[in-house]
Amino acid sequence: MSVYIRLDPEVAHDLFNAECRCQWCQLYRLRTPTWAREDYVYFLQEGVDGPIKIGHGRCPDRRLRGCQSGNPRELRLLGYRPGYRRDERTLHLRFKRLRIRGEWFQPADELLAFIKETIRHA
């Protein structure tokens, strides 16, 4: 269920993150208060055949930019799906045999197939 509240622009500016300029964030920020925003589990990949990061956040595009600033190879957003931190942890456990380090996993066929079947955006 989505909740929409009309706010005075000055109040809205204080409540929402005005830093992110991606289209997704701008629309989301204008239509949804912070407490009602949907969380996502996202999948980033380093290069075309590099490791895959399984992460969690409210703006996959912003996370991509944040992760990219600390990575010398180009990252790409494979996609995202609605989910919370517990869903991220569940996926980490499901694919633990593919773990390289932290939230980074080997790009095995099993993981790639799961991502392809469940993502909302690619």
PDB file of N, CA and C in Angstrom:
ATOM      1  N   MET A   1       0.840  -1.171   0.000  1.00  0.00           N
ATOM      2  CA  MET A   1       0.000   0.000   0.000  1.00  0.00           C
ATOM      3  C   MET A   1       0.883   1.231   0.000  1.00  0.00           C
ATOM      4  N   SER A   2       0.628   2.164  -0.890  1.00  0.00           N
ATOM      5  CA  SER A   2       1.380   3.412  -0.953  1.00  0.00           C
ATOM      6  C   SER A   2       0.645   4.486  -0.180  1.00  0.00           C
ATOM      7  N   VAL A   3       1.415   5.346   0.473  1.00  0.00           N
ATOM      8  CA  VAL A   3       0.853   6.458   1.224  1.00  0.00           C
ATOM      9  C   VAL A   3       1.396   7.739   0.612  1.00  0.00           C
ATOM     10  N   TYR A   4       0.512   8.655   0.274  1.00  0.00           N
ATOM     11  CA  TYR A   4       0.935   9.913  -0.317  1.00  0.00           C
ATOM     12  C   TYR A   4       0.466  11.069   0.558  1.00  0.00           C
ATOM     13  N   ILE A   5       1.347  12.007   0.784  1.00  0.00           N
ATOM     14  CA  ILE A   5       1.031  13.164   1.596  1.00  0.00           C
ATOM     15  C   ILE A   5       1.476  14.405   0.831  1.00  0.00           C
ATOM     16  N   ARG A   6       0.612  15.412   0.765  1.00  0.00           N
ATOM     17  CA  ARG A   6       0.981  16.672   0.116  1.00  0.00           C
ATOM     18  C   ARG A   6       1.636  17.553   1.175  1.00  0.00           C
ATOM     19  N   LEU A   7       2.838  18.002   0.883  1.00  0.00           N
ATOM     20  CA  LEU A   7       3.581  18.824   1.835  1.00  0.00           C
ATOM     21  C   LEU A   7       3.953  20.159   1.211  1.00  0.00           C
ATOM     22  N   ASP A   8       4.102  21.139   2.068  1.00  0.00           N
ATOM     23  CA  ASP A   8       4.636  22.418   1.645  1.00  0.00           C
ATOM     24  C   ASP A   8       6.063  22.172   1.140  1.00  0.00           C
ATOM     25  N   PRO A   9       6.489  22.795   0.022  1.00  0.00           N
ATOM     26  CA  PRO A   9       7.831  22.546  -0.529  1.00  0.00           C
ATOM     27  C   PRO A   9       8.968  22.751   0.465  1.00  0.00           C
ATOM     28  N   GLU A  10       8.839  23.732   1.355  1.00  0.00           N
ATOM     29  CA  GLU A  10       9.904  23.954   2.337  1.00  0.00           C
ATOM     30  C   GLU A  10       9.991  22.800   3.327  1.00  0.00           C
ATOM     31  N   VAL A  11       8.840  22.279   3.745  1.00  0.00           N
ATOM     32  CA  VAL A  11       8.820  21.135   4.657  1.00  0.00           C
ATOM     33  C   VAL A  11       9.358  19.907   3.938  1.00  0.00           C
ATOM     34  N   ALA A  12       8.924  19.706   2.694  1.00  0.00           N
ATOM     35  CA  ALA A  12       9.385  18.554   1.916  1.00  0.00           C
ATOM     36  C   ALA A  12      10.893  18.584   1.753  1.00  0.00           C
ATOM     37  N   HIS A  13      11.462  19.750   1.524  1.00  0.00           N
ATOM     38  CA  HIS A  13      12.908  19.852   1.354  1.00  0.00           C
ATOM     39  C   HIS A  13      13.640  19.393   2.606  1.00  0.00           C
ATOM     40  N   ASP A  14      13.087  19.707   3.774  1.00  0.00           N
ATOM     41  CA  ASP A  14      13.717  19.292   5.026  1.00  0.00           C
ATOM     42  C   ASP A  14      13.566  17.793   5.279  1.00  0.00           C
ATOM     43  N   LEU A  15      12.462  17.198   4.840  1.00  0.00           N
ATOM     44  CA  LEU A  15      12.211  15.793   5.113  1.00  0.00           C
ATOM     45  C   LEU A  15      12.936  14.840   4.183  1.00  0.00           C
ATOM     46  N   PHE A  16      13.093  15.211   2.938  1.00  0.00           N
ATOM     47  CA  PHE A  16      13.607  14.282   1.939  1.00  0.00           C
ATOM     48  C   PHE A  16      15.022  14.621   1.533  1.00  0.00           C
ATOM     49  N   ASN A  17      15.741  13.617   1.058  1.00  0.00           N
ATOM     50  CA  ASN A  17      17.119  13.802   0.628  1.00  0.00           C
ATOM     51  C   ASN A  17      17.142  14.521  -0.710  1.00  0.00           C
ATOM     52  N   ALA A  18      17.542  15.763  -0.708  1.00  0.00           N
ATOM     53  CA  ALA A  18      17.542  16.556  -1.938  1.00  0.00           C
ATOM     54  C   ALA A  18      18.837  16.382  -2.728  1.00  0.00           C
ATOM     55  N   GLU A  19      19.765  15.571  -2.237  1.00  0.00           N
ATOM     56  CA  GLU A  19      21.052  15.430  -2.905  1.00  0.00           C
ATOM     57  C   GLU A  19      20.981  14.556  -4.150  1.00  0.00           C
ATOM     58  N   CYS A  20      20.239  13.477  -4.105  1.00  0.00           N
ATOM     59  CA  CYS A  20      20.200  12.538  -5.217  1.00  0.00           C
ATOM     60  C   CYS A  20      19.323  13.086  -6.329  1.00  0.00           C
ATOM     61  N   ARG A  21      19.856  13.123  -7.551  1.00  0.00           N
ATOM     62  CA  ARG A  21      19.146  13.718  -8.676  1.00  0.00           C
ATOM     63  C   ARG A  21      18.642  12.696  -9.692  1.00  0.00           C
ATOM     64  N   CYS A  22      18.744  11.404  -9.389  1.00  0.00           N
ATOM     65  CA  CYS A  22      18.254  10.423 -10.353  1.00  0.00           C
ATOM     66  C   CYS A  22      16.731  10.526 -10.436  1.00  0.00           C
ATOM     67  N   GLN A  23      16.190  10.179 -11.575  1.00  0.00           N
ATOM     68  CA  GLN A  23      14.754  10.291 -11.801  1.00  0.00           C
ATOM     69  C   GLN A  23      13.963   9.486 -10.781  1.00  0.00           C
ATOM     70  N   TRP A  24      14.455   8.293 -10.473  1.00  0.00           N
ATOM     71  CA  TRP A  24      13.772   7.425  -9.525  1.00  0.00           C
ATOM     72  C   TRP A  24      13.632   8.105  -8.172  1.00  0.00           C
ATOM     73  N   CYS A  25      14.725   8.680  -7.665  1.00  0.00           N
ATOM     74  CA  CYS A  25      14.697   9.325  -6.356  1.00  0.00           C
ATOM     75  C   CYS A  25      13.827  10.571  -6.356  1.00  0.00           C
ATOM     76  N   GLN A  26      13.906  11.351  -7.421  1.00  0.00           N
ATOM     77  CA  GLN A  26      13.120  12.572  -7.464  1.00  0.00           C
ATOM     78  C   GLN A  26      11.631  12.282  -7.404  1.00  0.00           C
ATOM     79  N   LEU A  27      11.163  11.339  -8.192  1.00  0.00           N
ATOM     80  CA  LEU A  27       9.742  10.992  -8.169  1.00  0.00           C
ATOM     81  C   LEU A  27       9.348  10.393  -6.828  1.00  0.00           C
ATOM     82  N   TYR A  28      10.174   9.509  -6.334  1.00  0.00           N
ATOM     83  CA  TYR A  28       9.893   8.842  -5.073  1.00  0.00           C
ATOM     84  C   TYR A  28       9.864   9.832  -3.919  1.00  0.00           C
ATOM     85  N   ARG A  29      10.831  10.733  -3.914  1.00  0.00           N
ATOM     86  CA  ARG A  29      10.956  11.721  -2.857  1.00  0.00           C
ATOM     87  C   ARG A  29       9.754  12.660  -2.841  1.00  0.00           C
ATOM     88  N   LEU A  30       9.257  13.033  -4.010  1.00  0.00           N
ATOM     89  CA  LEU A  30       8.136  13.957  -4.075  1.00  0.00           C
ATOM     90  C   LEU A  30       6.815  13.309  -3.675  1.00  0.00           C
ATOM     91  N   ARG A  31       6.681  12.008  -3.882  1.00  0.00           N
ATOM     92  CA  ARG A  31       5.394  11.347  -3.672  1.00  0.00           C
ATOM     93  C   ARG A  31       5.285  10.591  -2.357  1.00  0.00           C
ATOM     94  N   THR A  32       6.399  10.264  -1.731  1.00  0.00           N
ATOM     95  CA  THR A  32       6.344   9.377  -0.576  1.00  0.00           C
ATOM     96  C   THR A  32       7.158   9.927   0.585  1.00  0.00           C
ATOM     97  N   PRO A  33       6.580   9.996   1.767  1.00  0.00           N
ATOM     98  CA  PRO A  33       7.357  10.445   2.922  1.00  0.00           C
ATOM     99  C   PRO A  33       8.431   9.417   3.284  1.00  0.00           C
ATOM    100  N   THR A  34       9.467   9.866   3.940  1.00  0.00           N
ATOM    101  CA  THR A  34      10.599   9.013   4.276  1.00  0.00           C
ATOM    102  C   THR A  34      10.172   7.742   5.003  1.00  0.00           C
ATOM    103  N   TRP A  35       9.275   7.845   5.950  1.00  0.00           N
ATOM    104  CA  TRP A  35       8.888   6.685   6.750  1.00  0.00           C
ATOM    105  C   TRP A  35       8.086   5.661   5.963  1.00  0.00           C
ATOM    106  N   ALA A  36       7.582   6.012   4.781  1.00  0.00           N
ATOM    107  CA  ALA A  36       6.762   5.077   4.008  1.00  0.00           C
ATOM    108  C   ALA A  36       7.492   4.529   2.780  1.00  0.00           C
ATOM    109  N   ARG A  37       8.745   4.867   2.609  1.00  0.00           N
ATOM    110  CA  ARG A  37       9.478   4.426   1.423  1.00  0.00           C
ATOM    111  C   ARG A  37       9.748   2.937   1.449  1.00  0.00           C
ATOM    112  N   GLU A  38       9.779   2.363   0.267  1.00  0.00           N
ATOM    113  CA  GLU A  38      10.021   0.935   0.133  1.00  0.00           C
ATOM    114  C   GLU A  38      11.522   0.650   0.139  1.00  0.00           C
ATOM    115  N   ASP A  39      11.917  -0.441   0.775  1.00  0.00           N
ATOM    116  CA  ASP A  39      13.310  -0.871   0.778  1.00  0.00           C
ATOM    117  C   ASP A  39      13.526  -1.879  -0.337  1.00  0.00           C
ATOM    118  N   TYR A  40      14.783  -1.984  -0.788  1.00  0.00           N
ATOM    119  CA  TYR A  40      15.119  -2.880  -1.885  1.00  0.00           C
ATOM    120  C   TYR A  40      16.364  -3.687  -1.578  1.00  0.00           C
ATOM    121  N   VAL A  41      16.421  -4.888  -2.132  1.00  0.00           N
ATOM    122  CA  VAL A  41      17.645  -5.663  -2.210  1.00  0.00           C
ATOM    123  C   VAL A  41      18.119  -5.473  -3.640  1.00  0.00           C
ATOM    124  N   TYR A  42      19.381  -5.055  -3.800  1.00  0.00           N
ATOM    125  CA  TYR A  42      19.895  -4.761  -5.133  1.00  0.00           C
ATOM    126  C   TYR A  42      21.080  -5.660  -5.461  1.00  0.00           C
ATOM    127  N   PHE A  43      21.384  -5.741  -6.747  1.00  0.00           N
ATOM    128  CA  PHE A  43      22.478  -6.569  -7.238  1.00  0.00           C
ATOM    129  C   PHE A  43      23.351  -5.717  -8.149  1.00  0.00           C
ATOM    130  N   LEU A  44      24.601  -5.499  -7.733  1.00  0.00           N
ATOM    131  CA  LEU A  44      25.572  -4.757  -8.530  1.00  0.00           C
ATOM    132  C   LEU A  44      26.619  -5.736  -9.033  1.00  0.00           C
ATOM    133  N   GLN A  45      27.136  -5.495 -10.235  1.00  0.00           N
ATOM    134  CA  GLN A  45      28.205  -6.347 -10.745  1.00  0.00           C
ATOM    135  C   GLN A  45      29.377  -5.486 -11.186  1.00  0.00           C
ATOM    136  N   GLU A  46      30.566  -5.971 -10.870  1.00  0.00           N
ATOM    137  CA  GLU A  46      31.800  -5.305 -11.266  1.00  0.00           C
ATOM    138  C   GLU A  46      32.149  -5.758 -12.679  1.00  0.00           C
ATOM    139  N   GLY A  47      32.054  -4.845 -13.632  1.00  0.00           N
ATOM    140  CA  GLY A  47      32.329  -5.196 -15.020  1.00  0.00           C
ATOM    141  C   GLY A  47      31.239  -6.096 -15.581  1.00  0.00           C
ATOM    142  N   VAL A  48      31.600  -6.871 -16.604  1.00  0.00           N
ATOM    143  CA  VAL A  48      30.644  -7.744 -17.264  1.00  0.00           C
ATOM    144  C   VAL A  48      30.633  -9.142 -16.638  1.00  0.00           C
ATOM    145  N   ASP A  49      31.779  -9.576 -16.156  1.00  0.00           N
ATOM    146  CA  ASP A  49      31.874 -10.929 -15.603  1.00  0.00           C
ATOM    147  C   ASP A  49      32.496 -10.959 -14.208  1.00  0.00           C
ATOM    148  N   GLY A  50      32.492  -9.808 -13.541  1.00  0.00           N
ATOM    149  CA  GLY A  50      33.110  -9.713 -12.221  1.00  0.00           C
ATOM    150  C   GLY A  50      32.172 -10.117 -11.103  1.00  0.00           C
ATOM    151  N   PRO A  51      32.631  -9.974  -9.869  1.00  0.00           N
ATOM    152  CA  PRO A  51      31.823 -10.357  -8.713  1.00  0.00           C
ATOM    153  C   PRO A  51      30.544  -9.530  -8.610  1.00  0.00           C
ATOM    154  N   ILE A  52      29.566 -10.088  -7.894  1.00  0.00           N
ATOM    155  CA  ILE A  52      28.259  -9.467  -7.725  1.00  0.00           C
ATOM    156  C   ILE A  52      28.060  -9.101  -6.256  1.00  0.00           C
ATOM    157  N   LYS A  53      27.625  -7.889  -6.027  1.00  0.00           N
ATOM    158  CA  LYS A  53      27.323  -7.427  -4.664  1.00  0.00           C
ATOM    159  C   LYS A  53      25.823  -7.563  -4.432  1.00  0.00           C
ATOM    160  N   ILE A  54      25.464  -8.207  -3.331  1.00  0.00           N
ATOM    161  CA  ILE A  54      24.070  -8.285  -2.910  1.00  0.00           C
ATOM    162  C   ILE A  54      23.946  -7.322  -1.735  1.00  0.00           C
ATOM    163  N   GLY A  55      23.191  -6.250  -1.939  1.00  0.00           N
ATOM    164  CA  GLY A  55      23.078  -5.227  -0.912  1.00  0.00           C
ATOM    165  C   GLY A  55      21.636  -4.840  -0.640  1.00  0.00           C
ATOM    166  N   HIS A  56      21.477  -3.882   0.263  1.00  0.00           N
ATOM    167  CA  HIS A  56      20.149  -3.431   0.683  1.00  0.00           C
ATOM    168  C   HIS A  56      20.156  -1.914   0.793  1.00  0.00           C
ATOM    169  N   GLY A  57      19.054  -1.289   0.412  1.00  0.00           N
ATOM    170  CA  GLY A  57      18.934   0.156   0.553  1.00  0.00           C
ATOM    171  C   GLY A  57      17.628   0.662  -0.015  1.00  0.00           C
ATOM    172  N   ARG A  58      17.446   1.967   0.075  1.00  0.00           N
ATOM    173  CA  ARG A  58      16.212   2.567  -0.430  1.00  0.00           C
ATOM    174  C   ARG A  58      16.344   3.107  -1.837  1.00  0.00           C
ATOM    175  N   CYS A  59      17.554   3.330  -2.311  1.00  0.00           N
ATOM    176  CA  CYS A  59      17.748   3.854  -3.660  1.00  0.00           C
ATOM    177  C   CYS A  59      18.896   3.105  -4.328  1.00  0.00           C
ATOM    178  N   PRO A  60      18.589   2.108  -5.139  1.00  0.00           N
ATOM    179  CA  PRO A  60      19.647   1.339  -5.797  1.00  0.00           C
ATOM    180  C   PRO A  60      20.585   2.193  -6.651  1.00  0.00           C
ATOM    181  N   ASP A  61      20.042   3.204  -7.324  1.00  0.00           N
ATOM    182  CA  ASP A  61      20.895   4.057  -8.158  1.00  0.00           C
ATOM    183  C   ASP A  61      21.897   4.842  -7.315  1.00  0.00           C
ATOM    184  N   ARG A  62      21.467   5.322  -6.166  1.00  0.00           N
ATOM    185  CA  ARG A  62      22.369   6.057  -5.285  1.00  0.00           C
ATOM    186  C   ARG A  62      23.439   5.125  -4.719  1.00  0.00           C
ATOM    187  N   ARG A  63      23.046   3.902  -4.374  1.00  0.00           N
ATOM    188  CA  ARG A  63      24.031   2.931  -3.879  1.00  0.00           C
ATOM    189  C   ARG A  63      25.056   2.606  -4.953  1.00  0.00           C
ATOM    190  N   LEU A  64      24.593   2.502  -6.204  1.00  0.00           N
ATOM    191  CA  LEU A  64      25.523   2.259  -7.305  1.00  0.00           C
ATOM    192  C   LEU A  64      26.566   3.369  -7.369  1.00  0.00           C
ATOM    193  N   ARG A  65      26.115   4.601  -7.306  1.00  0.00           N
ATOM    194  CA  ARG A  65      27.058   5.726  -7.361  1.00  0.00           C
ATOM    195  C   ARG A  65      27.996   5.726  -6.157  1.00  0.00           C
ATOM    196  N   GLY A  66      27.469   5.404  -4.977  1.00  0.00           N
ATOM    197  CA  GLY A  66      28.298   5.367  -3.775  1.00  0.00           C
ATOM    198  C   GLY A  66      29.351   4.274  -3.837  1.00  0.00           C
ATOM    199  N   CYS A  67      28.960   3.099  -4.291  1.00  0.00           N
ATOM    200  CA  CYS A  67      29.910   1.988  -4.417  1.00  0.00           C
ATOM    201  C   CYS A  67      30.920   2.259  -5.524  1.00  0.00           C
ATOM    202  N   GLN A  68      30.478   2.922  -6.573  1.00  0.00           N
ATOM    203  CA  GLN A  68      31.363   3.194  -7.705  1.00  0.00           C
ATOM    204  C   GLN A  68      32.516   4.108  -7.304  1.00  0.00           C
ATOM    205  N   SER A  69      32.252   5.033  -6.407  1.00  0.00           N
ATOM    206  CA  SER A  69      33.308   5.975  -6.022  1.00  0.00           C
ATOM    207  C   SER A  69      34.492   5.274  -5.360  1.00  0.00           C
ATOM    208  N   GLY A  70      34.273   4.095  -4.777  1.00  0.00           N
ATOM    209  CA  GLY A  70      35.363   3.366  -4.133  1.00  0.00           C
ATOM    210  C   GLY A  70      35.840   2.172  -4.928  1.00  0.00           C
ATOM    211  N   ASN A  71      35.436   2.062  -6.188  1.00  0.00           N
ATOM    212  CA  ASN A  71      35.798   0.903  -6.997  1.00  0.00           C
ATOM    213  C   ASN A  71      36.419   1.353  -8.318  1.00  0.00           C
ATOM    214  N   PRO A  72      37.612   0.889  -8.645  1.00  0.00           N
ATOM    215  CA  PRO A  72      38.268   1.329  -9.887  1.00  0.00           C
ATOM    216  C   PRO A  72      37.638   0.752 -11.160  1.00  0.00           C
ATOM    217  N   ARG A  73      36.958  -0.402 -11.042  1.00  0.00           N
ATOM    218  CA  ARG A  73      36.291  -0.980 -12.211  1.00  0.00           C
ATOM    219  C   ARG A  73      34.850  -0.492 -12.267  1.00  0.00           C
ATOM    220  N   GLU A  74      34.309  -0.396 -13.465  1.00  0.00           N
ATOM    221  CA  GLU A  74      32.935   0.079 -13.617  1.00  0.00           C
ATOM    222  C   GLU A  74      31.946  -0.924 -13.030  1.00  0.00           C
ATOM    223  N   LEU A  75      31.015  -0.405 -12.238  1.00  0.00           N
ATOM    224  CA  LEU A  75      29.954  -1.221 -11.669  1.00  0.00           C
ATOM    225  C   LEU A  75      28.683  -0.989 -12.464  1.00  0.00           C
ATOM    226  N   ARG A  76      27.835  -2.017 -12.511  1.00  0.00           N
ATOM    227  CA  ARG A  76      26.543  -1.852 -13.174  1.00  0.00           C
ATOM    228  C   ARG A  76      25.458  -2.453 -12.300  1.00  0.00           C
ATOM    229  N   LEU A  77      24.301  -1.829 -12.351  1.00  0.00           N
ATOM    230  CA  LEU A  77      23.160  -2.302 -11.578  1.00  0.00           C
ATOM    231  C   LEU A  77      22.463  -3.384 -12.390  1.00  0.00           C
ATOM    232  N   LEU A  78      22.522  -4.626 -11.882  1.00  0.00           N
ATOM    233  CA  LEU A  78      21.847  -5.720 -12.566  1.00  0.00           C
ATOM    234  C   LEU A  78      20.345  -5.637 -12.339  1.00  0.00           C
ATOM    235  N   GLY A  79      19.954  -5.151 -11.191  1.00  0.00           N
ATOM    236  CA  GLY A  79      18.543  -5.004 -10.881  1.00  0.00           C
ATOM    237  C   GLY A  79      18.306  -4.938  -9.394  1.00  0.00           C
ATOM    238  N   TYR A  80      17.039  -4.839  -9.037  1.00  0.00           N
ATOM    239  CA  TYR A  80      16.656  -4.782  -7.629  1.00  0.00           C
ATOM    240  C   TYR A  80      15.271  -5.376  -7.472  1.00  0.00           C
ATOM    241  N   ARG A  81      14.933  -5.690  -6.234  1.00  0.00           N
ATOM    242  CA  ARG A  81      13.615  -6.238  -5.900  1.00  0.00           C
ATOM    243  C   ARG A  81      13.230  -5.722  -4.530  1.00  0.00           C
ATOM    244  N   PRO A  82      11.949  -5.597  -4.255  1.00  0.00           N
ATOM    245  CA  PRO A  82      11.553  -5.160  -2.916  1.00  0.00           C
ATOM    246  C   PRO A  82      12.113  -6.125  -1.867  1.00  0.00           C
ATOM    247  N   GLY A  83      12.616  -5.577  -0.773  1.00  0.00           N
ATOM    248  CA  GLY A  83      13.165  -6.418   0.274  1.00  0.00           C
ATOM    249  C   GLY A  83      13.802  -5.588   1.371  1.00  0.00           C
ATOM    250  N   TYR A  84      13.980  -6.233   2.506  1.00  0.00           N
ATOM    251  CA  TYR A  84      14.555  -5.579   3.676  1.00  0.00           C
ATOM    252  C   TYR A  84      15.910  -6.199   4.010  1.00  0.00           C
ATOM    253  N   ARG A  85      16.525  -5.679   5.059  1.00  0.00           N
ATOM    254  CA  ARG A  85      17.837  -6.181   5.474  1.00  0.00           C
ATOM    255  C   ARG A  85      17.797  -7.684   5.748  1.00  0.00           C
ATOM    256  N   ARG A  86      16.713  -8.174   6.328  1.00  0.00           N
ATOM    257  CA  ARG A  86      16.596  -9.616   6.596  1.00  0.00           C
ATOM    258  C   ARG A  86      16.574 -10.413   5.286  1.00  0.00           C
ATOM    259  N   ASP A  87      15.981  -9.846   4.229  1.00  0.00           N
ATOM    260  CA  ASP A  87      15.969 -10.519   2.928  1.00  0.00           C
ATOM    261  C   ASP A  87      17.376 -10.557   2.334  1.00  0.00           C
ATOM    262  N   GLU A  88      18.124  -9.482   2.535  1.00  0.00           N
ATOM    263  CA  GLU A  88      19.517  -9.452   2.096  1.00  0.00           C
ATOM    264  C   GLU A  88      20.311 -10.542   2.815  1.00  0.00           C
ATOM    265  N   ARG A  89      20.142 -10.652   4.126  1.00  0.00           N
ATOM    266  CA  ARG A  89      20.850 -11.672   4.903  1.00  0.00           C
ATOM    267  C   ARG A  89      20.468 -13.080   4.451  1.00  0.00           C
ATOM    268  N   THR A  90      19.183 -13.272   4.143  1.00  0.00           N
ATOM    269  CA  THR A  90      18.722 -14.580   3.660  1.00  0.00           C
ATOM    270  C   THR A  90      19.425 -14.944   2.352  1.00  0.00           C
ATOM    271  N   LEU A  91      19.557 -13.976   1.465  1.00  0.00           N
ATOM    272  CA  LEU A  91      20.253 -14.237   0.197  1.00  0.00           C
ATOM    273  C   LEU A  91      21.739 -14.497   0.426  1.00  0.00           C
ATOM    274  N   HIS A  92      22.341 -13.777   1.366  1.00  0.00           N
ATOM    275  CA  HIS A  92      23.748 -14.024   1.700  1.00  0.00           C
ATOM    276  C   HIS A  92      23.934 -15.463   2.184  1.00  0.00           C
ATOM    277  N   LEU A  93      23.000 -15.944   2.994  1.00  0.00           N
ATOM    278  CA  LEU A  93      23.081 -17.332   3.471  1.00  0.00           C
ATOM    279  C   LEU A  93      22.817 -18.328   2.343  1.00  0.00           C
ATOM    280  N   ARG A  94      21.860 -18.008   1.496  1.00  0.00           N
ATOM    281  CA  ARG A  94      21.532 -18.909   0.384  1.00  0.00           C
ATOM    282  C   ARG A  94      22.715 -19.103  -0.559  1.00  0.00           C
ATOM    283  N   PHE A  95      23.460 -18.029  -0.799  1.00  0.00           N
ATOM    284  CA  PHE A  95      24.576 -18.096  -1.742  1.00  0.00           C
ATOM    285  C   PHE A  95      25.936 -18.057  -1.040  1.00  0.00           C
ATOM    286  N   LYS A  96      25.990 -18.504   0.230  1.00  0.00           N
ATOM    287  CA  LYS A  96      27.230 -18.398   1.013  1.00  0.00           C
ATOM    288  C   LYS A  96      28.398 -19.164   0.392  1.00  0.00           C
ATOM    289  N   ARG A  97      28.139 -20.233  -0.329  1.00  0.00           N
ATOM    290  CA  ARG A  97      29.247 -20.977  -0.946  1.00  0.00           C
ATOM    291  C   ARG A  97      29.883 -20.185  -2.094  1.00  0.00           C
ATOM    292  N   LEU A  98      29.200 -19.146  -2.566  1.00  0.00           N
ATOM    293  CA  LEU A  98      29.733 -18.299  -3.641  1.00  0.00           C
ATOM    294  C   LEU A  98      30.386 -17.023  -3.103  1.00  0.00           C
ATOM    295  N   ARG A  99      30.349 -16.841  -1.781  1.00  0.00           N
ATOM    296  CA  ARG A  99      30.863 -15.597  -1.184  1.00  0.00           C
ATOM    297  C   ARG A  99      32.369 -15.457  -1.414  1.00  0.00           C
ATOM    298  N   ILE A 100      32.743 -14.271  -1.839  1.00  0.00           N
ATOM    299  CA  ILE A 100      34.161 -13.932  -1.982  1.00  0.00           C
ATOM    300  C   ILE A 100      34.616 -13.235  -0.700  1.00  0.00           C
ATOM    301  N   ARG A 101      33.900 -12.153  -0.356  1.00  0.00           N
ATOM    302  CA  ARG A 101      34.175 -11.407   0.872  1.00  0.00           C
ATOM    303  C   ARG A 101      33.011 -10.452   1.123  1.00  0.00           C
ATOM    304  N   GLY A 102      32.573 -10.342   2.342  1.00  0.00           N
ATOM    305  CA  GLY A 102      31.503  -9.399   2.682  1.00  0.00           C
ATOM    306  C   GLY A 102      30.239  -9.655   1.874  1.00  0.00           C
ATOM    307  N   GLU A 103      29.840  -8.659   1.119  1.00  0.00           N
ATOM    308  CA  GLU A 103      28.615  -8.747   0.318  1.00  0.00           C
ATOM    309  C   GLU A 103      28.890  -9.101  -1.139  1.00  0.00           C
ATOM    310  N   TRP A 104      30.124  -9.517  -1.454  1.00  0.00           N
ATOM    311  CA  TRP A 104      30.508  -9.804  -2.842  1.00  0.00           C
ATOM    312  C   TRP A 104      30.538 -11.313  -3.085  1.00  0.00           C
ATOM    313  N   PHE A 105      29.939 -11.717  -4.208  1.00  0.00           N
ATOM    314  CA  PHE A 105      29.767 -13.132  -4.533  1.00  0.00           C
ATOM    315  C   PHE A 105      30.260 -13.428  -5.953  1.00  0.00           C
ATOM    316  N   GLN A 106      30.664 -14.667  -6.171  1.00  0.00           N
ATOM    317  CA  GLN A 106      31.077 -15.106  -7.503  1.00  0.00           C
ATOM    318  C   GLN A 106      29.863 -15.087  -8.435  1.00  0.00           C
ATOM    319  N   PRO A 107      30.046 -14.700  -9.693  1.00  0.00           N
ATOM    320  CA  PRO A 107      28.920 -14.629 -10.632  1.00  0.00           C
ATOM    321  C   PRO A 107      28.566 -15.995 -11.217  1.00  0.00           C
ATOM    322  N   ALA A 108      28.218 -16.941 -10.370  1.00  0.00           N
ATOM    323  CA  ALA A 108      27.874 -18.300 -10.813  1.00  0.00           C
ATOM    324  C   ALA A 108      26.508 -18.299 -11.502  1.00  0.00           C
ATOM    325  N   ASP A 109      26.284 -19.298 -12.323  1.00  0.00           N
ATOM    326  CA  ASP A 109      25.027 -19.407 -13.064  1.00  0.00           C
ATOM    327  C   ASP A 109      23.818 -19.419 -12.129  1.00  0.00           C
ATOM    328  N   GLU A 110      23.960 -20.074 -10.979  1.00  0.00           N
ATOM    329  CA  GLU A 110      22.867 -20.154 -10.008  1.00  0.00           C
ATOM    330  C   GLU A 110      22.433 -18.762  -9.537  1.00  0.00           C
ATOM    331  N   LEU A 111      23.393 -17.927  -9.200  1.00  0.00           N
ATOM    332  CA  LEU A 111      23.094 -16.573  -8.737  1.00  0.00           C
ATOM    333  C   LEU A 111      22.542 -15.722  -9.876  1.00  0.00           C
ATOM    334  N   LEU A 112      23.157 -15.805 -11.046  1.00  0.00           N
ATOM    335  CA  LEU A 112      22.684 -15.022 -12.193  1.00  0.00           C
ATOM    336  C   LEU A 112      21.255 -15.401 -12.582  1.00  0.00           C
ATOM    337  N   ALA A 113      20.927 -16.688 -12.521  1.00  0.00           N
ATOM    338  CA  ALA A 113      19.566 -17.139 -12.839  1.00  0.00           C
ATOM    339  C   ALA A 113      18.569 -16.598 -11.811  1.00  0.00           C
ATOM    340  N   PHE A 114      18.955 -16.628 -10.536  1.00  0.00           N
ATOM    341  CA  PHE A 114      18.086 -16.092  -9.484  1.00  0.00           C
ATOM    342  C   PHE A 114      17.816 -14.610  -9.723  1.00  0.00           C
ATOM    343  N   ILE A 115      18.860 -13.859 -10.027  1.00  0.00           N
ATOM    344  CA  ILE A 115      18.705 -12.428 -10.267  1.00  0.00           C
ATOM    345  C   ILE A 115      17.775 -12.183 -11.454  1.00  0.00           C
ATOM    346  N   LYS A 116      17.993 -12.918 -12.523  1.00  0.00           N
ATOM    347  CA  LYS A 116      17.175 -12.731 -13.727  1.00  0.00           C
ATOM    348  C   LYS A 116      15.705 -13.010 -13.468  1.00  0.00           C
ATOM    349  N   GLU A 117      15.417 -14.010 -12.626  1.00  0.00           N
ATOM    350  CA  GLU A 117      14.040 -14.393 -12.326  1.00  0.00           C
ATOM    351  C   GLU A 117      13.335 -13.436 -11.378  1.00  0.00           C
ATOM    352  N   THR A 118      14.068 -12.754 -10.520  1.00  0.00           N
ATOM    353  CA  THR A 118      13.423 -12.013  -9.440  1.00  0.00           C
ATOM    354  C   THR A 118      13.567 -10.502  -9.520  1.00  0.00           C
ATOM    355  N   ILE A 119      14.372  -9.982 -10.406  1.00  0.00           N
ATOM    356  CA  ILE A 119      14.599  -8.540 -10.401  1.00  0.00           C
ATOM    357  C   ILE A 119      13.421  -7.771 -10.984  1.00  0.00           C
ATOM    358  N   ARG A 120      13.324  -6.543 -10.557  1.00  0.00           N
ATOM    359  CA  ARG A 120      12.301  -5.632 -11.044  1.00  0.00           C
ATOM    360  C   ARG A 120      12.841  -4.795 -12.199  1.00  0.00           C
ATOM    361  N   HIS A 121      14.106  -4.534 -12.215  1.00  0.00           N
ATOM    362  CA  HIS A 121      14.713  -3.627 -13.192  1.00  0.00           C
ATOM    363  C   HIS A 121      16.077  -4.133 -13.563  1.00  0.00           C
ATOM    364  N   ALA A 122      16.431  -4.072 -14.836  1.00  0.00           N
ATOM    365  CA  ALA A 122      17.779  -4.483 -15.247  1.00  0.00           C
ATOM    366  C   ALA A 122      18.342  -3.509 -16.240  1.00  0.00           C
TER     367      ALA A 122
END
